[in-house]
């Protein structure tokens, strides 16, 4: 994958749907679980470990074997039983597919293939399939997946008033060490072993639909 494309995918202007989701952070704030920048740091670290144990294995497995997309998309669906998290994963996967049509012929046909096959189109396996077409290495794919997870949460944190933009950038820099540890721990983890590592995060995200008022879809 060329550095230019990697930067484009990591750019917050790339319309992949993450802006509409908080990953359970909005519910965590309203329920008093996260109250300040320190709480946001803890939530971010927990979310990165959750991504490493639950979604990253699907990204990397499809990257290695794109022909397994349908099988692994179905397995990802089964591994994400919580309604809100499952809905968010599908919505973001489809948004990524739509945005990817602008990246050229290598990525353009992927959306149609997913639609023709009637797949759920979860974010993690779809990301793996897209990155395989773009020629990404496993290291690039893993880092990008975790970076986007961290960036999305911190963007939500700014909009929820937990921190300012500069504090968010400092938190993102600190999260790099956590991401490295997550990548090392997740190395070699098969999608058959994918599982949520934080039941609390799942419960918080599942509470999203019960919030009286909300900015985010999840």
N, C-alpha and C. Protein backbone atom coordinates (compact mmCIF):
# COMPACT_ATOMS: atom_id res chain seq x y z
N UNK A 1 0.85 -1.19 0.00
CA UNK A 1 0.00 0.00 0.00
C UNK A 1 0.89 1.24 0.00
N UNK A 2 0.60 2.19 -0.87
CA UNK A 2 1.42 3.40 -0.93
C UNK A 2 1.17 4.26 0.30
N UNK A 3 2.20 4.99 0.77
CA UNK A 3 1.99 5.87 1.91
C UNK A 3 0.85 6.86 1.68
N UNK A 4 0.69 7.33 0.45
CA UNK A 4 -0.36 8.30 0.16
C UNK A 4 -1.74 7.75 0.50
N UNK A 5 -2.00 6.50 0.05
CA UNK A 5 -3.29 5.88 0.33
C UNK A 5 -3.46 5.63 1.83
N UNK A 6 -2.39 5.23 2.50
CA UNK A 6 -2.46 5.02 3.94
C UNK A 6 -2.85 6.31 4.66
N UNK A 7 -2.23 7.43 4.25
CA UNK A 7 -2.57 8.71 4.87
C UNK A 7 -4.01 9.09 4.57
N UNK A 8 -4.46 8.80 3.36
CA UNK A 8 -5.83 9.13 2.98
C UNK A 8 -6.82 8.35 3.84
N UNK A 9 -6.57 7.06 4.04
CA UNK A 9 -7.46 6.25 4.86
C UNK A 9 -7.47 6.71 6.32
N UNK A 10 -6.33 7.19 6.80
CA UNK A 10 -6.23 7.64 8.19
C UNK A 10 -6.75 9.05 8.40
N UNK A 11 -6.97 9.79 7.31
CA UNK A 11 -7.42 11.17 7.40
C UNK A 11 -8.85 11.23 7.93
N UNK A 12 -9.10 12.11 8.87
CA UNK A 12 -10.45 12.25 9.41
C UNK A 12 -11.45 12.73 8.36
N UNK A 13 -10.97 13.28 7.25
CA UNK A 13 -11.86 13.71 6.17
C UNK A 13 -12.35 12.54 5.31
N UNK A 14 -11.72 11.37 5.46
CA UNK A 14 -12.15 10.22 4.66
C UNK A 14 -13.51 9.76 5.20
N UNK A 15 -14.56 9.77 4.37
CA UNK A 15 -15.93 9.57 4.88
C UNK A 15 -16.29 8.10 5.11
N UNK A 16 -15.66 7.51 6.12
CA UNK A 16 -15.88 6.09 6.38
C UNK A 16 -16.89 5.83 7.49
N UNK A 17 -17.57 6.85 7.96
CA UNK A 17 -18.67 6.67 8.90
C UNK A 17 -18.32 6.73 10.37
N UNK A 18 -17.05 6.79 10.72
CA UNK A 18 -16.66 6.78 12.12
C UNK A 18 -17.12 8.00 12.90
N UNK A 19 -17.34 9.11 12.21
CA UNK A 19 -17.72 10.36 12.87
C UNK A 19 -19.06 10.23 13.59
N UNK A 20 -19.91 9.30 13.15
CA UNK A 20 -21.25 9.17 13.72
C UNK A 20 -21.30 8.23 14.92
N UNK A 21 -20.17 7.67 15.31
CA UNK A 21 -20.17 6.65 16.36
C UNK A 21 -19.19 7.02 17.47
N UNK A 22 -19.56 6.68 18.72
CA UNK A 22 -18.67 6.97 19.85
C UNK A 22 -18.15 5.71 20.51
N UNK A 23 -18.53 4.53 20.00
CA UNK A 23 -18.04 3.29 20.58
C UNK A 23 -18.43 3.08 22.03
N UNK A 24 -19.57 3.62 22.42
CA UNK A 24 -20.04 3.49 23.79
C UNK A 24 -19.60 4.62 24.70
N UNK A 25 -18.76 5.53 24.21
CA UNK A 25 -18.26 6.61 25.06
C UNK A 25 -19.38 7.54 25.49
N UNK A 26 -20.32 7.84 24.61
CA UNK A 26 -21.41 8.75 24.99
C UNK A 26 -22.21 8.17 26.16
N UNK A 27 -22.53 6.90 26.10
CA UNK A 27 -23.24 6.27 27.22
C UNK A 27 -22.38 6.26 28.48
N UNK A 28 -21.08 6.03 28.32
CA UNK A 28 -20.18 6.02 29.47
C UNK A 28 -20.16 7.38 30.16
N UNK A 29 -20.22 8.45 29.37
CA UNK A 29 -20.24 9.80 29.95
C UNK A 29 -21.56 10.05 30.67
N UNK A 30 -22.67 9.73 30.02
CA UNK A 30 -23.97 10.01 30.64
C UNK A 30 -24.22 9.17 31.88
N UNK A 31 -23.63 7.98 31.93
CA UNK A 31 -23.80 7.11 33.10
C UNK A 31 -22.75 7.36 34.18
N UNK A 32 -21.85 8.32 33.94
CA UNK A 32 -20.87 8.69 34.94
C UNK A 32 -19.63 7.81 34.99
N UNK A 33 -19.47 6.91 34.01
CA UNK A 33 -18.29 6.04 34.01
C UNK A 33 -17.04 6.79 33.55
N UNK A 34 -17.20 7.77 32.67
CA UNK A 34 -16.09 8.62 32.21
C UNK A 34 -16.47 10.07 32.48
N UNK A 35 -15.62 10.78 33.24
CA UNK A 35 -15.97 12.14 33.66
C UNK A 35 -14.94 13.19 33.25
N UNK A 36 -13.73 12.76 32.88
CA UNK A 36 -12.65 13.73 32.67
C UNK A 36 -11.61 13.12 31.72
N UNK A 37 -10.56 13.89 31.38
CA UNK A 37 -9.54 13.36 30.47
C UNK A 37 -8.88 12.07 30.96
N UNK A 38 -8.68 11.95 32.27
CA UNK A 38 -8.07 10.73 32.80
C UNK A 38 -8.99 9.53 32.56
N UNK A 39 -10.28 9.74 32.75
CA UNK A 39 -11.24 8.68 32.48
C UNK A 39 -11.27 8.32 31.01
N UNK A 40 -11.12 9.33 30.16
CA UNK A 40 -11.08 9.09 28.72
C UNK A 40 -9.86 8.25 28.34
N UNK A 41 -8.73 8.53 28.96
CA UNK A 41 -7.52 7.73 28.71
C UNK A 41 -7.76 6.26 29.06
N UNK A 42 -8.38 6.03 30.21
CA UNK A 42 -8.64 4.65 30.64
C UNK A 42 -9.62 3.96 29.68
N UNK A 43 -10.65 4.69 29.28
CA UNK A 43 -11.63 4.13 28.35
C UNK A 43 -10.97 3.79 27.02
N UNK A 44 -10.10 4.68 26.54
CA UNK A 44 -9.41 4.45 25.28
C UNK A 44 -8.52 3.22 25.35
N UNK A 45 -7.79 3.07 26.43
CA UNK A 45 -6.92 1.90 26.58
C UNK A 45 -7.74 0.61 26.57
N UNK A 46 -8.85 0.61 27.29
CA UNK A 46 -9.70 -0.57 27.34
C UNK A 46 -10.28 -0.88 25.96
N UNK A 47 -10.66 0.19 25.23
CA UNK A 47 -11.23 0.00 23.89
C UNK A 47 -10.20 -0.55 22.92
N UNK A 48 -8.94 -0.15 23.03
CA UNK A 48 -7.90 -0.67 22.15
C UNK A 48 -7.66 -2.16 22.42
N UNK A 49 -7.65 -2.55 23.68
CA UNK A 49 -7.49 -3.97 23.98
C UNK A 49 -8.70 -4.77 23.48
N UNK A 50 -9.87 -4.18 23.58
CA UNK A 50 -11.06 -4.84 23.05
C UNK A 50 -10.96 -5.03 21.54
N UNK A 51 -10.49 -3.99 20.85
CA UNK A 51 -10.31 -4.09 19.40
C UNK A 51 -9.29 -5.16 19.04
N UNK A 52 -8.22 -5.24 19.82
CA UNK A 52 -7.19 -6.24 19.55
C UNK A 52 -7.67 -7.66 19.73
N UNK A 53 -8.58 -7.86 20.66
CA UNK A 53 -9.04 -9.23 20.93
C UNK A 53 -10.25 -9.62 20.10
N UNK A 54 -11.06 -8.64 19.68
CA UNK A 54 -12.32 -8.96 19.01
C UNK A 54 -12.32 -8.70 17.51
N UNK A 55 -11.84 -7.54 17.07
CA UNK A 55 -11.99 -7.18 15.65
C UNK A 55 -10.70 -7.31 14.84
N UNK A 56 -9.56 -7.03 15.45
CA UNK A 56 -8.30 -7.10 14.71
C UNK A 56 -8.05 -8.48 14.10
N UNK A 57 -8.37 -9.59 14.78
CA UNK A 57 -8.16 -10.89 14.14
C UNK A 57 -8.91 -11.05 12.82
N UNK A 58 -10.07 -10.45 12.69
CA UNK A 58 -10.82 -10.54 11.45
C UNK A 58 -10.18 -9.69 10.34
N UNK A 59 -9.69 -8.52 10.71
CA UNK A 59 -8.99 -7.68 9.73
C UNK A 59 -7.83 -8.44 9.13
N UNK A 60 -7.00 -9.01 9.98
CA UNK A 60 -5.78 -9.66 9.52
C UNK A 60 -6.05 -10.98 8.81
N UNK A 61 -7.07 -11.71 9.26
CA UNK A 61 -7.38 -12.98 8.61
C UNK A 61 -7.88 -12.77 7.18
N UNK A 62 -8.72 -11.76 6.97
CA UNK A 62 -9.21 -11.49 5.61
C UNK A 62 -8.10 -10.88 4.77
N UNK A 63 -7.23 -10.10 5.37
CA UNK A 63 -6.08 -9.56 4.65
C UNK A 63 -5.23 -10.69 4.08
N UNK A 64 -5.02 -11.74 4.89
CA UNK A 64 -4.20 -12.87 4.44
C UNK A 64 -4.93 -13.72 3.41
N UNK A 65 -6.24 -13.84 3.55
CA UNK A 65 -7.01 -14.74 2.67
C UNK A 65 -8.31 -14.05 2.27
N UNK A 66 -8.27 -13.12 1.31
CA UNK A 66 -9.47 -12.37 0.93
C UNK A 66 -10.62 -13.27 0.45
N UNK A 67 -10.29 -14.46 -0.05
CA UNK A 67 -11.35 -15.37 -0.51
C UNK A 67 -12.22 -15.87 0.65
N UNK A 68 -11.79 -15.65 1.88
CA UNK A 68 -12.56 -16.07 3.05
C UNK A 68 -13.48 -14.97 3.57
N UNK A 69 -13.65 -13.90 2.80
CA UNK A 69 -14.43 -12.77 3.30
C UNK A 69 -15.82 -13.18 3.75
N UNK A 70 -16.56 -13.93 2.94
CA UNK A 70 -17.93 -14.30 3.30
C UNK A 70 -17.96 -15.13 4.59
N UNK A 71 -17.07 -16.10 4.67
CA UNK A 71 -17.01 -16.95 5.87
C UNK A 71 -16.69 -16.14 7.12
N UNK A 72 -15.69 -15.25 7.01
CA UNK A 72 -15.25 -14.50 8.19
C UNK A 72 -16.20 -13.36 8.53
N UNK A 73 -16.91 -12.84 7.54
CA UNK A 73 -17.93 -11.84 7.83
C UNK A 73 -19.05 -12.47 8.66
N UNK A 74 -19.44 -13.68 8.30
CA UNK A 74 -20.47 -14.39 9.07
C UNK A 74 -19.99 -14.71 10.48
N UNK A 75 -18.72 -15.10 10.61
CA UNK A 75 -18.17 -15.39 11.94
C UNK A 75 -18.08 -14.11 12.77
N UNK A 76 -17.72 -13.00 12.14
CA UNK A 76 -17.68 -11.72 12.85
C UNK A 76 -19.08 -11.33 13.34
N UNK A 77 -20.08 -11.59 12.51
CA UNK A 77 -21.46 -11.31 12.90
C UNK A 77 -21.83 -12.10 14.15
N UNK A 78 -21.46 -13.38 14.17
CA UNK A 78 -21.76 -14.23 15.32
C UNK A 78 -20.99 -13.82 16.56
N UNK A 79 -19.79 -13.26 16.37
CA UNK A 79 -18.95 -12.84 17.50
C UNK A 79 -19.36 -11.48 18.05
N UNK A 80 -20.34 -10.84 17.41
CA UNK A 80 -20.80 -9.50 17.85
C UNK A 80 -22.29 -9.56 18.11
N UNK A 81 -22.72 -10.24 19.19
CA UNK A 81 -24.15 -10.44 19.42
C UNK A 81 -24.91 -9.22 19.93
N UNK A 82 -24.20 -8.27 20.54
CA UNK A 82 -24.88 -7.08 21.09
C UNK A 82 -25.47 -6.25 19.95
N UNK A 83 -26.72 -5.87 20.07
CA UNK A 83 -27.44 -5.22 18.99
C UNK A 83 -26.76 -3.94 18.52
N UNK A 84 -26.44 -3.04 19.44
CA UNK A 84 -25.89 -1.74 19.04
C UNK A 84 -24.51 -1.90 18.40
N UNK A 85 -23.66 -2.72 18.99
CA UNK A 85 -22.32 -2.92 18.44
C UNK A 85 -22.39 -3.59 17.07
N UNK A 86 -23.28 -4.55 16.91
CA UNK A 86 -23.44 -5.23 15.64
C UNK A 86 -23.93 -4.26 14.57
N UNK A 87 -24.92 -3.46 14.93
CA UNK A 87 -25.47 -2.48 13.99
C UNK A 87 -24.41 -1.46 13.57
N UNK A 88 -23.62 -1.01 14.54
CA UNK A 88 -22.58 -0.02 14.25
C UNK A 88 -21.51 -0.62 13.35
N UNK A 89 -21.14 -1.87 13.59
CA UNK A 89 -20.12 -2.52 12.77
C UNK A 89 -20.59 -2.66 11.33
N UNK A 90 -21.84 -3.02 11.13
CA UNK A 90 -22.39 -3.13 9.78
C UNK A 90 -22.44 -1.76 9.10
N UNK A 91 -22.91 -0.76 9.84
CA UNK A 91 -23.04 0.58 9.25
C UNK A 91 -21.69 1.14 8.85
N UNK A 92 -20.69 0.94 9.69
CA UNK A 92 -19.37 1.47 9.37
C UNK A 92 -18.70 0.69 8.25
N UNK A 93 -18.95 -0.61 8.20
CA UNK A 93 -18.40 -1.40 7.10
C UNK A 93 -18.97 -0.96 5.76
N UNK A 94 -20.26 -0.72 5.72
CA UNK A 94 -20.89 -0.28 4.48
C UNK A 94 -20.46 1.13 4.10
N UNK A 95 -20.27 2.00 5.11
CA UNK A 95 -19.78 3.34 4.82
C UNK A 95 -18.37 3.29 4.25
N UNK A 96 -17.54 2.41 4.79
CA UNK A 96 -16.18 2.25 4.26
C UNK A 96 -16.22 1.77 2.82
N UNK A 97 -17.11 0.83 2.53
CA UNK A 97 -17.24 0.34 1.16
C UNK A 97 -17.63 1.45 0.20
N UNK A 98 -18.57 2.29 0.61
CA UNK A 98 -18.99 3.40 -0.25
C UNK A 98 -17.85 4.37 -0.48
N UNK A 99 -17.13 4.70 0.59
CA UNK A 99 -16.02 5.64 0.46
C UNK A 99 -14.91 5.07 -0.40
N UNK A 100 -14.71 3.75 -0.32
CA UNK A 100 -13.61 3.11 -1.04
C UNK A 100 -13.78 3.17 -2.55
N UNK A 101 -15.00 3.42 -3.02
CA UNK A 101 -15.21 3.49 -4.47
C UNK A 101 -14.41 4.63 -5.10
N UNK A 102 -14.00 5.61 -4.27
CA UNK A 102 -13.22 6.73 -4.79
C UNK A 102 -11.74 6.42 -4.90
N UNK A 103 -11.32 5.27 -4.41
CA UNK A 103 -9.88 4.97 -4.34
C UNK A 103 -9.33 4.30 -5.60
N UNK A 104 -10.18 4.01 -6.55
CA UNK A 104 -9.68 3.42 -7.80
C UNK A 104 -10.27 2.05 -8.05
N UNK A 105 -9.95 1.46 -9.20
CA UNK A 105 -10.57 0.20 -9.63
C UNK A 105 -10.29 -0.97 -8.70
N UNK A 106 -9.15 -0.98 -8.03
CA UNK A 106 -8.83 -2.10 -7.15
C UNK A 106 -9.82 -2.22 -6.00
N UNK A 107 -10.34 -1.09 -5.57
CA UNK A 107 -11.28 -1.08 -4.45
C UNK A 107 -12.72 -0.91 -4.89
N UNK A 108 -12.92 -0.42 -6.11
CA UNK A 108 -14.26 0.00 -6.54
C UNK A 108 -15.26 -1.14 -6.59
N UNK A 109 -14.81 -2.33 -6.98
CA UNK A 109 -15.75 -3.44 -7.17
C UNK A 109 -16.09 -4.17 -5.87
N UNK A 110 -15.39 -3.85 -4.79
CA UNK A 110 -15.61 -4.58 -3.54
C UNK A 110 -17.03 -4.39 -3.01
N UNK A 111 -17.53 -3.17 -3.07
CA UNK A 111 -18.89 -2.92 -2.58
C UNK A 111 -19.90 -3.78 -3.32
N UNK A 112 -19.78 -3.84 -4.64
CA UNK A 112 -20.73 -4.63 -5.42
C UNK A 112 -20.62 -6.12 -5.09
N UNK A 113 -19.42 -6.60 -4.85
CA UNK A 113 -19.23 -8.00 -4.49
C UNK A 113 -19.92 -8.33 -3.17
N UNK A 114 -19.78 -7.43 -2.20
CA UNK A 114 -20.40 -7.63 -0.89
C UNK A 114 -21.92 -7.61 -1.02
N UNK A 115 -22.44 -6.68 -1.82
CA UNK A 115 -23.88 -6.59 -2.01
C UNK A 115 -24.43 -7.81 -2.74
N UNK A 116 -23.73 -8.23 -3.79
CA UNK A 116 -24.21 -9.39 -4.55
C UNK A 116 -24.25 -10.65 -3.70
N UNK A 117 -23.28 -10.78 -2.81
CA UNK A 117 -23.20 -11.97 -1.95
C UNK A 117 -24.15 -11.88 -0.76
N UNK A 118 -24.77 -10.71 -0.55
CA UNK A 118 -25.69 -10.54 0.56
C UNK A 118 -25.01 -10.60 1.92
N UNK A 119 -23.77 -10.11 2.00
CA UNK A 119 -23.03 -10.16 3.25
C UNK A 119 -23.47 -9.05 4.21
N UNK A 120 -23.25 -9.29 5.49
CA UNK A 120 -23.54 -8.25 6.48
C UNK A 120 -22.63 -7.05 6.27
N UNK A 121 -21.39 -7.30 5.88
CA UNK A 121 -20.46 -6.20 5.61
C UNK A 121 -19.91 -5.56 6.87
N UNK A 122 -19.50 -6.38 7.85
CA UNK A 122 -18.95 -5.83 9.09
C UNK A 122 -17.63 -5.11 8.82
N UNK A 123 -17.36 -4.11 9.65
CA UNK A 123 -16.21 -3.24 9.43
C UNK A 123 -14.89 -4.00 9.37
N UNK A 124 -14.64 -4.89 10.33
CA UNK A 124 -13.33 -5.55 10.40
C UNK A 124 -13.03 -6.41 9.18
N UNK A 125 -13.90 -7.36 8.79
CA UNK A 125 -13.57 -8.14 7.60
C UNK A 125 -13.56 -7.33 6.31
N UNK A 126 -14.46 -6.36 6.20
CA UNK A 126 -14.47 -5.49 5.02
C UNK A 126 -13.16 -4.70 4.95
N UNK A 127 -12.68 -4.22 6.09
CA UNK A 127 -11.40 -3.50 6.11
C UNK A 127 -10.27 -4.39 5.63
N UNK A 128 -10.27 -5.64 6.10
CA UNK A 128 -9.23 -6.56 5.67
C UNK A 128 -9.26 -6.80 4.17
N UNK A 129 -10.47 -6.95 3.61
CA UNK A 129 -10.60 -7.17 2.17
C UNK A 129 -10.13 -5.96 1.37
N UNK A 130 -10.52 -4.76 1.84
CA UNK A 130 -10.10 -3.55 1.15
C UNK A 130 -8.59 -3.37 1.21
N UNK A 131 -8.01 -3.57 2.38
CA UNK A 131 -6.57 -3.38 2.53
C UNK A 131 -5.79 -4.42 1.74
N UNK A 132 -6.34 -5.61 1.60
CA UNK A 132 -5.68 -6.62 0.75
C UNK A 132 -5.61 -6.13 -0.69
N UNK A 133 -6.70 -5.55 -1.17
CA UNK A 133 -6.73 -5.04 -2.55
C UNK A 133 -5.78 -3.87 -2.73
N UNK A 134 -5.55 -3.12 -1.66
CA UNK A 134 -4.67 -1.96 -1.75
C UNK A 134 -3.21 -2.32 -1.49
N UNK A 135 -2.95 -3.59 -1.21
CA UNK A 135 -1.57 -4.05 -1.03
C UNK A 135 -0.97 -3.75 0.33
N UNK A 136 -1.79 -3.64 1.36
CA UNK A 136 -1.28 -3.34 2.70
C UNK A 136 -0.60 -4.57 3.30
N UNK A 137 0.41 -4.33 4.10
CA UNK A 137 1.04 -5.40 4.87
C UNK A 137 0.23 -5.63 6.15
N UNK A 138 0.51 -6.72 6.84
CA UNK A 138 -0.18 -6.99 8.11
C UNK A 138 0.12 -5.90 9.13
N UNK A 139 1.35 -5.43 9.16
CA UNK A 139 1.72 -4.38 10.11
C UNK A 139 0.96 -3.10 9.81
N UNK A 140 0.87 -2.72 8.53
CA UNK A 140 0.14 -1.52 8.16
C UNK A 140 -1.34 -1.65 8.50
N UNK A 141 -1.91 -2.81 8.21
CA UNK A 141 -3.34 -3.02 8.47
C UNK A 141 -3.64 -2.97 9.97
N UNK A 142 -2.81 -3.60 10.76
CA UNK A 142 -3.04 -3.61 12.21
C UNK A 142 -2.91 -2.23 12.82
N UNK A 143 -1.88 -1.51 12.43
CA UNK A 143 -1.69 -0.16 12.96
C UNK A 143 -2.83 0.76 12.54
N UNK A 144 -3.25 0.66 11.29
CA UNK A 144 -4.32 1.52 10.81
C UNK A 144 -5.62 1.23 11.54
N UNK A 145 -5.93 -0.04 11.74
CA UNK A 145 -7.17 -0.41 12.43
C UNK A 145 -7.20 0.18 13.84
N UNK A 146 -6.12 0.05 14.57
CA UNK A 146 -6.09 0.55 15.94
C UNK A 146 -6.04 2.08 15.97
N UNK A 147 -5.32 2.68 15.02
CA UNK A 147 -5.27 4.14 14.96
C UNK A 147 -6.67 4.71 14.74
N UNK A 148 -7.41 4.13 13.80
CA UNK A 148 -8.75 4.64 13.51
C UNK A 148 -9.67 4.46 14.71
N UNK A 149 -9.52 3.36 15.44
CA UNK A 149 -10.33 3.15 16.64
C UNK A 149 -10.03 4.23 17.68
N UNK A 150 -8.74 4.51 17.90
CA UNK A 150 -8.35 5.52 18.88
C UNK A 150 -8.77 6.91 18.44
N UNK A 151 -8.52 7.24 17.17
CA UNK A 151 -8.88 8.57 16.67
C UNK A 151 -10.37 8.82 16.77
N UNK A 152 -11.18 7.81 16.46
CA UNK A 152 -12.62 7.97 16.53
C UNK A 152 -13.11 8.24 17.94
N UNK A 153 -12.57 7.50 18.91
CA UNK A 153 -12.97 7.72 20.30
C UNK A 153 -12.57 9.10 20.79
N UNK A 154 -11.37 9.54 20.44
CA UNK A 154 -10.92 10.84 20.91
C UNK A 154 -11.69 11.97 20.24
N UNK A 155 -12.06 11.79 18.98
CA UNK A 155 -12.91 12.77 18.31
C UNK A 155 -14.25 12.89 19.04
N UNK A 156 -14.80 11.75 19.42
CA UNK A 156 -16.06 11.77 20.18
C UNK A 156 -15.86 12.44 21.53
N UNK A 157 -14.70 12.18 22.15
CA UNK A 157 -14.41 12.80 23.45
C UNK A 157 -14.38 14.31 23.38
N UNK A 158 -13.81 14.84 22.30
CA UNK A 158 -13.78 16.29 22.12
C UNK A 158 -15.20 16.83 21.98
N UNK A 159 -16.01 16.17 21.17
CA UNK A 159 -17.38 16.66 20.95
C UNK A 159 -18.27 16.51 22.18
N UNK A 160 -17.91 15.57 23.06
CA UNK A 160 -18.66 15.39 24.29
C UNK A 160 -18.15 16.30 25.41
N UNK A 161 -17.12 17.08 25.14
CA UNK A 161 -16.61 18.03 26.12
C UNK A 161 -15.70 17.45 27.18
N UNK A 162 -15.17 16.24 26.94
CA UNK A 162 -14.27 15.64 27.91
C UNK A 162 -12.88 16.24 27.87
N UNK A 163 -12.48 16.72 26.70
CA UNK A 163 -11.14 17.30 26.54
C UNK A 163 -11.17 18.23 25.33
N UNK A 164 -10.12 19.02 25.20
CA UNK A 164 -9.98 19.89 24.06
C UNK A 164 -9.18 19.21 22.96
N UNK A 165 -9.10 19.83 21.79
CA UNK A 165 -8.36 19.23 20.67
C UNK A 165 -6.89 18.95 20.98
N UNK A 166 -6.23 19.85 21.70
CA UNK A 166 -4.82 19.62 22.01
C UNK A 166 -4.65 18.48 23.00
N UNK A 167 -5.53 18.42 24.00
CA UNK A 167 -5.49 17.30 24.94
C UNK A 167 -5.75 15.97 24.21
N UNK A 168 -6.64 16.01 23.23
CA UNK A 168 -6.93 14.79 22.47
C UNK A 168 -5.71 14.33 21.69
N UNK A 169 -4.96 15.27 21.13
CA UNK A 169 -3.76 14.88 20.40
C UNK A 169 -2.70 14.31 21.33
N UNK A 170 -2.59 14.85 22.52
CA UNK A 170 -1.66 14.29 23.50
C UNK A 170 -2.08 12.88 23.89
N UNK A 171 -3.39 12.67 24.06
CA UNK A 171 -3.90 11.34 24.40
C UNK A 171 -3.65 10.36 23.27
N UNK A 172 -3.81 10.83 22.02
CA UNK A 172 -3.56 9.96 20.87
C UNK A 172 -2.10 9.55 20.80
N UNK A 173 -1.20 10.47 21.13
CA UNK A 173 0.23 10.14 21.15
C UNK A 173 0.52 9.10 22.23
N UNK A 174 -0.08 9.26 23.40
CA UNK A 174 0.13 8.28 24.47
C UNK A 174 -0.44 6.91 24.09
N UNK A 175 -1.52 6.91 23.34
CA UNK A 175 -2.17 5.66 22.96
C UNK A 175 -1.30 4.82 22.04
N UNK A 176 -0.29 5.43 21.43
CA UNK A 176 0.58 4.68 20.54
C UNK A 176 1.27 3.52 21.24
N UNK A 177 1.70 3.73 22.47
CA UNK A 177 2.37 2.66 23.22
C UNK A 177 1.39 1.52 23.52
N UNK A 178 0.15 1.89 23.83
CA UNK A 178 -0.87 0.86 24.08
C UNK A 178 -1.12 0.06 22.81
N UNK A 179 -1.22 0.75 21.69
CA UNK A 179 -1.47 0.09 20.42
C UNK A 179 -0.35 -0.90 20.09
N UNK A 180 0.88 -0.52 20.36
CA UNK A 180 2.01 -1.43 20.12
C UNK A 180 1.87 -2.70 20.95
N UNK A 181 1.49 -2.54 22.22
CA UNK A 181 1.31 -3.70 23.09
C UNK A 181 0.16 -4.57 22.60
N UNK A 182 -0.91 -3.93 22.15
CA UNK A 182 -2.06 -4.68 21.63
C UNK A 182 -1.66 -5.48 20.39
N UNK A 183 -0.93 -4.86 19.49
CA UNK A 183 -0.49 -5.55 18.27
C UNK A 183 0.37 -6.76 18.61
N UNK A 184 1.26 -6.60 19.56
CA UNK A 184 2.12 -7.71 19.96
C UNK A 184 1.31 -8.84 20.57
N UNK A 185 0.34 -8.50 21.40
CA UNK A 185 -0.47 -9.51 22.06
C UNK A 185 -1.40 -10.23 21.09
N UNK A 186 -1.84 -9.49 20.06
CA UNK A 186 -2.80 -10.06 19.10
C UNK A 186 -2.13 -10.85 17.98
N UNK A 187 -0.81 -10.79 17.90
CA UNK A 187 -0.11 -11.47 16.81
C UNK A 187 -0.41 -12.97 16.82
N UNK A 188 -0.87 -13.45 15.68
CA UNK A 188 -1.16 -14.87 15.57
C UNK A 188 -2.51 -15.29 16.08
N UNK A 189 -3.30 -14.36 16.62
CA UNK A 189 -4.63 -14.73 17.13
C UNK A 189 -5.56 -15.03 15.95
N UNK A 190 -6.14 -16.19 15.92
CA UNK A 190 -7.05 -16.58 14.85
C UNK A 190 -8.43 -16.00 15.07
N UNK A 191 -9.19 -15.78 14.00
CA UNK A 191 -10.55 -15.27 14.19
C UNK A 191 -11.42 -16.21 15.01
N UNK A 192 -11.10 -17.51 15.01
CA UNK A 192 -11.84 -18.46 15.84
C UNK A 192 -11.67 -18.16 17.32
N UNK A 193 -10.59 -17.45 17.66
CA UNK A 193 -10.32 -17.10 19.06
C UNK A 193 -10.76 -15.68 19.40
N UNK A 194 -11.36 -14.99 18.44
CA UNK A 194 -11.79 -13.61 18.69
C UNK A 194 -12.89 -13.58 19.74
N UNK A 195 -12.75 -12.67 20.70
CA UNK A 195 -13.75 -12.56 21.76
C UNK A 195 -13.63 -11.19 22.41
N UNK A 196 -14.73 -10.71 22.94
CA UNK A 196 -14.71 -9.44 23.64
C UNK A 196 -13.91 -9.58 24.93
N UNK A 197 -13.06 -8.60 25.19
CA UNK A 197 -12.25 -8.64 26.41
C UNK A 197 -12.81 -7.75 27.50
N UNK A 198 -13.82 -6.94 27.16
CA UNK A 198 -14.38 -5.99 28.13
C UNK A 198 -15.90 -6.04 28.11
N UNK A 199 -16.51 -6.87 28.95
CA UNK A 199 -17.97 -6.89 29.03
C UNK A 199 -18.56 -5.52 29.38
N UNK A 200 -17.82 -4.74 30.17
CA UNK A 200 -18.32 -3.41 30.54
C UNK A 200 -18.49 -2.52 29.32
N UNK A 201 -17.52 -2.53 28.40
CA UNK A 201 -17.66 -1.73 27.19
C UNK A 201 -18.87 -2.17 26.38
N UNK A 202 -19.10 -3.48 26.31
CA UNK A 202 -20.27 -3.97 25.58
C UNK A 202 -21.56 -3.49 26.23
N UNK A 203 -21.61 -3.52 27.55
CA UNK A 203 -22.81 -3.07 28.26
C UNK A 203 -23.04 -1.57 28.05
N UNK A 204 -21.97 -0.80 28.10
CA UNK A 204 -22.10 0.65 27.90
C UNK A 204 -22.60 0.96 26.50
N UNK A 205 -22.02 0.30 25.49
CA UNK A 205 -22.47 0.57 24.13
C UNK A 205 -23.91 0.11 23.93
N UNK A 206 -24.29 -0.99 24.56
CA UNK A 206 -25.65 -1.49 24.42
C UNK A 206 -26.67 -0.54 25.04
N UNK A 207 -26.22 0.31 25.95
CA UNK A 207 -27.11 1.27 26.59
C UNK A 207 -27.43 2.47 25.70
N UNK A 208 -26.73 2.60 24.57
CA UNK A 208 -26.86 3.80 23.73
C UNK A 208 -28.31 4.09 23.34
N UNK A 209 -29.05 3.08 22.95
CA UNK A 209 -30.43 3.29 22.50
C UNK A 209 -31.35 3.74 23.63
N UNK A 210 -30.93 3.59 24.89
CA UNK A 210 -31.75 3.97 26.03
C UNK A 210 -31.50 5.40 26.49
N UNK A 211 -30.48 6.05 25.90
CA UNK A 211 -30.19 7.42 26.31
C UNK A 211 -31.33 8.35 25.90
N UNK A 212 -31.65 9.29 26.77
CA UNK A 212 -32.75 10.21 26.48
C UNK A 212 -32.41 11.12 25.30
N UNK A 213 -31.19 11.61 25.29
CA UNK A 213 -30.71 12.43 24.17
C UNK A 213 -29.31 11.95 23.81
N UNK A 214 -28.96 12.01 22.53
CA UNK A 214 -27.66 11.51 22.12
C UNK A 214 -27.18 12.18 20.84
N UNK A 215 -25.86 12.27 20.74
CA UNK A 215 -25.22 12.82 19.56
C UNK A 215 -24.84 11.74 18.56
N UNK A 216 -24.62 10.53 19.06
CA UNK A 216 -24.02 9.47 18.26
C UNK A 216 -24.99 8.30 18.08
N UNK A 217 -24.69 7.48 17.08
CA UNK A 217 -25.48 6.29 16.83
C UNK A 217 -25.09 5.12 17.72
N UNK A 218 -23.87 5.14 18.21
CA UNK A 218 -23.41 4.04 19.06
C UNK A 218 -22.37 4.55 20.05
